[in-house]
Amino acid sequence: MPISNFSKMSVSSQKKSSFISVIKSVGAAFIGVQSNKNRERDFSEGKLSHFIIVGIVCVVIFIGALVAVVSLVLP
């Protein structure tokens, strides 16, 4: 019985974050509303490289949007 519980526990602890959950987590952290539960889940299940890549892409999109808005407002 303990062996089967151990195998179930190891499978559940080795879950990986999906691409959508990484985007949601980065978006929530980007605007500062991420819950502590989700942050702990990200640290336990996610890969650092995925969060860094999505974070950099989000920052580039944000800066591009700011540049586009300013260029539209100021001729």
N, C-alpha and C. Protein backbone atom coordinates (compact mmCIF):
# COMPACT_ATOMS: atom_id res chain seq x y z
N MET A 1 0.81 -1.20 0.00
CA MET A 1 0.00 0.00 0.00
C MET A 1 0.85 1.26 0.00
N PRO A 2 1.88 1.38 0.81
CA PRO A 2 2.70 2.59 0.78
C PRO A 2 3.42 2.77 -0.55
N ILE A 3 3.75 1.66 -1.21
CA ILE A 3 4.44 1.77 -2.49
C ILE A 3 3.52 2.41 -3.54
N SER A 4 2.26 1.99 -3.58
CA SER A 4 1.35 2.59 -4.55
C SER A 4 1.08 4.06 -4.22
N ASN A 5 1.01 4.41 -2.93
CA ASN A 5 0.85 5.81 -2.57
C ASN A 5 2.07 6.61 -2.98
N PHE A 6 3.25 6.02 -2.84
CA PHE A 6 4.47 6.71 -3.22
C PHE A 6 4.52 6.95 -4.72
N SER A 7 4.10 5.96 -5.51
CA SER A 7 4.13 6.14 -6.95
C SER A 7 3.13 7.21 -7.40
N LYS A 8 1.95 7.26 -6.76
CA LYS A 8 0.98 8.30 -7.10
C LYS A 8 1.51 9.67 -6.71
N MET A 9 2.17 9.73 -5.56
CA MET A 9 2.69 11.00 -5.09
C MET A 9 3.82 11.49 -5.99
N SER A 10 4.69 10.57 -6.43
CA SER A 10 5.80 11.00 -7.26
C SER A 10 5.33 11.45 -8.64
N VAL A 11 4.28 10.83 -9.16
CA VAL A 11 3.74 11.25 -10.45
C VAL A 11 3.11 12.62 -10.33
N SER A 12 2.36 12.86 -9.25
CA SER A 12 1.71 14.16 -9.10
C SER A 12 2.72 15.25 -8.80
N SER A 13 3.82 14.93 -8.13
CA SER A 13 4.82 15.96 -7.83
C SER A 13 5.69 16.27 -9.03
N GLN A 14 5.65 15.41 -10.06
CA GLN A 14 6.46 15.64 -11.24
C GLN A 14 5.66 16.27 -12.38
N LYS A 15 4.46 16.77 -12.08
CA LYS A 15 3.66 17.41 -13.13
C LYS A 15 4.38 18.64 -13.65
N LYS A 16 4.20 18.90 -14.92
CA LYS A 16 4.82 20.07 -15.55
C LYS A 16 3.74 21.11 -15.82
N SER A 17 4.17 22.36 -15.81
CA SER A 17 3.25 23.44 -16.13
C SER A 17 2.98 23.46 -17.62
N SER A 18 1.73 23.70 -17.99
CA SER A 18 1.40 23.83 -19.39
C SER A 18 1.77 25.23 -19.87
N PHE A 19 1.79 25.38 -21.18
CA PHE A 19 2.16 26.66 -21.77
C PHE A 19 1.18 27.75 -21.36
N ILE A 20 -0.10 27.42 -21.33
CA ILE A 20 -1.13 28.39 -20.95
C ILE A 20 -0.96 28.80 -19.49
N SER A 21 -0.66 27.85 -18.62
CA SER A 21 -0.50 28.20 -17.20
C SER A 21 0.74 29.06 -16.99
N VAL A 22 1.78 28.87 -17.80
CA VAL A 22 2.97 29.72 -17.71
C VAL A 22 2.61 31.15 -18.12
N ILE A 23 1.84 31.29 -19.20
CA ILE A 23 1.43 32.62 -19.66
C ILE A 23 0.55 33.30 -18.61
N LYS A 24 -0.38 32.55 -18.02
CA LYS A 24 -1.24 33.12 -16.97
C LYS A 24 -0.41 33.56 -15.77
N SER A 25 0.54 32.74 -15.37
CA SER A 25 1.36 33.08 -14.20
C SER A 25 2.23 34.30 -14.46
N VAL A 26 2.82 34.36 -15.63
CA VAL A 26 3.66 35.52 -15.96
C VAL A 26 2.80 36.77 -16.06
N GLY A 27 1.62 36.66 -16.66
CA GLY A 27 0.72 37.81 -16.76
C GLY A 27 0.28 38.30 -15.40
N ALA A 28 -0.06 37.38 -14.52
CA ALA A 28 -0.48 37.77 -13.17
C ALA A 28 0.67 38.39 -12.39
N ALA A 29 1.85 37.83 -12.53
CA ALA A 29 3.02 38.40 -11.85
C ALA A 29 3.40 39.75 -12.46
N PHE A 30 3.18 39.90 -13.76
CA PHE A 30 3.52 41.13 -14.46
C PHE A 30 2.72 42.32 -13.92
N ILE A 31 1.44 42.08 -13.60
CA ILE A 31 0.63 43.17 -13.07
C ILE A 31 0.53 43.13 -11.55
N GLY A 32 1.15 42.12 -10.92
CA GLY A 32 1.27 42.10 -9.48
C GLY A 32 0.09 41.52 -8.72
N VAL A 33 -0.65 40.59 -9.31
CA VAL A 33 -1.80 40.02 -8.63
C VAL A 33 -1.69 38.51 -8.45
N GLN A 34 -0.52 37.95 -8.55
CA GLN A 34 -0.35 36.50 -8.42
C GLN A 34 -0.51 36.06 -6.97
N SER A 35 -1.27 35.01 -6.76
CA SER A 35 -1.47 34.50 -5.39
C SER A 35 -0.27 33.69 -4.94
N ASN A 36 -0.13 33.57 -3.65
CA ASN A 36 0.98 32.81 -3.08
C ASN A 36 0.89 31.34 -3.46
N LYS A 37 -0.32 30.79 -3.53
CA LYS A 37 -0.51 29.39 -3.90
C LYS A 37 -0.01 29.14 -5.32
N ASN A 38 -0.35 30.03 -6.25
CA ASN A 38 0.10 29.86 -7.63
C ASN A 38 1.60 30.06 -7.76
N ARG A 39 2.16 30.96 -7.00
CA ARG A 39 3.61 31.18 -7.04
C ARG A 39 4.34 29.93 -6.56
N GLU A 40 3.85 29.33 -5.48
CA GLU A 40 4.47 28.10 -4.98
C GLU A 40 4.33 26.96 -5.99
N ARG A 41 3.17 26.88 -6.67
CA ARG A 41 2.98 25.87 -7.70
C ARG A 41 3.98 26.07 -8.84
N ASP A 42 4.19 27.32 -9.23
CA ASP A 42 5.13 27.61 -10.30
C ASP A 42 6.54 27.19 -9.94
N PHE A 43 6.95 27.46 -8.70
CA PHE A 43 8.29 27.09 -8.28
C PHE A 43 8.47 25.58 -8.20
N SER A 44 7.40 24.86 -7.87
CA SER A 44 7.53 23.41 -7.72
C SER A 44 7.36 22.66 -9.04
N GLU A 45 6.54 23.17 -9.96
CA GLU A 45 6.23 22.43 -11.18
C GLU A 45 6.86 23.01 -12.44
N GLY A 46 7.11 24.30 -12.46
CA GLY A 46 7.55 24.93 -13.70
C GLY A 46 9.05 24.92 -13.88
N LYS A 47 9.46 25.16 -15.13
CA LYS A 47 10.88 25.29 -15.43
C LYS A 47 11.20 26.78 -15.53
N LEU A 48 12.31 27.15 -14.94
CA LEU A 48 12.71 28.55 -14.90
C LEU A 48 12.86 29.13 -16.31
N SER A 49 13.42 28.36 -17.22
CA SER A 49 13.64 28.87 -18.58
C SER A 49 12.33 29.24 -19.26
N HIS A 50 11.27 28.48 -19.02
CA HIS A 50 9.98 28.80 -19.64
C HIS A 50 9.44 30.13 -19.13
N PHE A 51 9.56 30.37 -17.83
CA PHE A 51 9.08 31.62 -17.26
C PHE A 51 9.92 32.80 -17.73
N ILE A 52 11.22 32.62 -17.88
CA ILE A 52 12.09 33.70 -18.35
C ILE A 52 11.76 34.05 -19.80
N ILE A 53 11.59 33.04 -20.64
CA ILE A 53 11.30 33.29 -22.06
C ILE A 53 9.95 34.00 -22.21
N VAL A 54 8.92 33.50 -21.54
CA VAL A 54 7.59 34.14 -21.63
C VAL A 54 7.64 35.54 -21.04
N GLY A 55 8.38 35.74 -19.96
CA GLY A 55 8.52 37.07 -19.37
C GLY A 55 9.18 38.05 -20.31
N ILE A 56 10.23 37.63 -20.98
CA ILE A 56 10.92 38.51 -21.94
C ILE A 56 10.00 38.85 -23.10
N VAL A 57 9.26 37.86 -23.61
CA VAL A 57 8.33 38.12 -24.71
C VAL A 57 7.25 39.11 -24.28
N CYS A 58 6.73 38.95 -23.06
CA CYS A 58 5.71 39.88 -22.56
C CYS A 58 6.26 41.30 -22.42
N VAL A 59 7.48 41.44 -21.95
CA VAL A 59 8.08 42.76 -21.82
C VAL A 59 8.28 43.40 -23.19
N VAL A 60 8.73 42.63 -24.17
CA VAL A 60 8.91 43.16 -25.53
C VAL A 60 7.56 43.61 -26.11
N ILE A 61 6.52 42.81 -25.91
CA ILE A 61 5.19 43.19 -26.39
C ILE A 61 4.71 44.46 -25.69
N PHE A 62 4.93 44.56 -24.39
CA PHE A 62 4.52 45.74 -23.63
C PHE A 62 5.25 46.99 -24.13
N ILE A 63 6.55 46.90 -24.33
CA ILE A 63 7.32 48.05 -24.82
C ILE A 63 6.87 48.41 -26.23
N GLY A 64 6.62 47.42 -27.08
CA GLY A 64 6.13 47.69 -28.43
C GLY A 64 4.78 48.38 -28.42
N ALA A 65 3.91 47.98 -27.51
CA ALA A 65 2.60 48.63 -27.40
C ALA A 65 2.75 50.07 -26.94
N LEU A 66 3.65 50.31 -25.98
CA LEU A 66 3.89 51.69 -25.53
C LEU A 66 4.44 52.56 -26.65
N VAL A 67 5.38 52.04 -27.39
CA VAL A 67 5.96 52.80 -28.51
C VAL A 67 4.88 53.09 -29.56
N ALA A 68 4.03 52.11 -29.84
CA ALA A 68 2.96 52.31 -30.83
C ALA A 68 1.97 53.37 -30.37
N VAL A 69 1.58 53.35 -29.11
CA VAL A 69 0.63 54.34 -28.59
C VAL A 69 1.24 55.74 -28.62
N VAL A 70 2.50 55.85 -28.21
CA VAL A 70 3.15 57.18 -28.20
C VAL A 70 3.32 57.69 -29.61
N SER A 71 3.67 56.83 -30.55
CA SER A 71 3.84 57.28 -31.93
C SER A 71 2.52 57.67 -32.58
N LEU A 72 1.40 57.07 -32.14
CA LEU A 72 0.10 57.47 -32.63
C LEU A 72 -0.35 58.81 -32.04
N VAL A 73 -0.01 59.04 -30.78
CA VAL A 73 -0.44 60.26 -30.10
C VAL A 73 0.41 61.46 -30.53
N LEU A 74 1.71 61.25 -30.59
CA LEU A 74 2.63 62.34 -30.98
C LEU A 74 3.00 62.18 -32.45
N PRO A 75 2.58 63.13 -33.27
CA PRO A 75 2.91 63.01 -34.71
C PRO A 75 4.36 63.25 -35.01
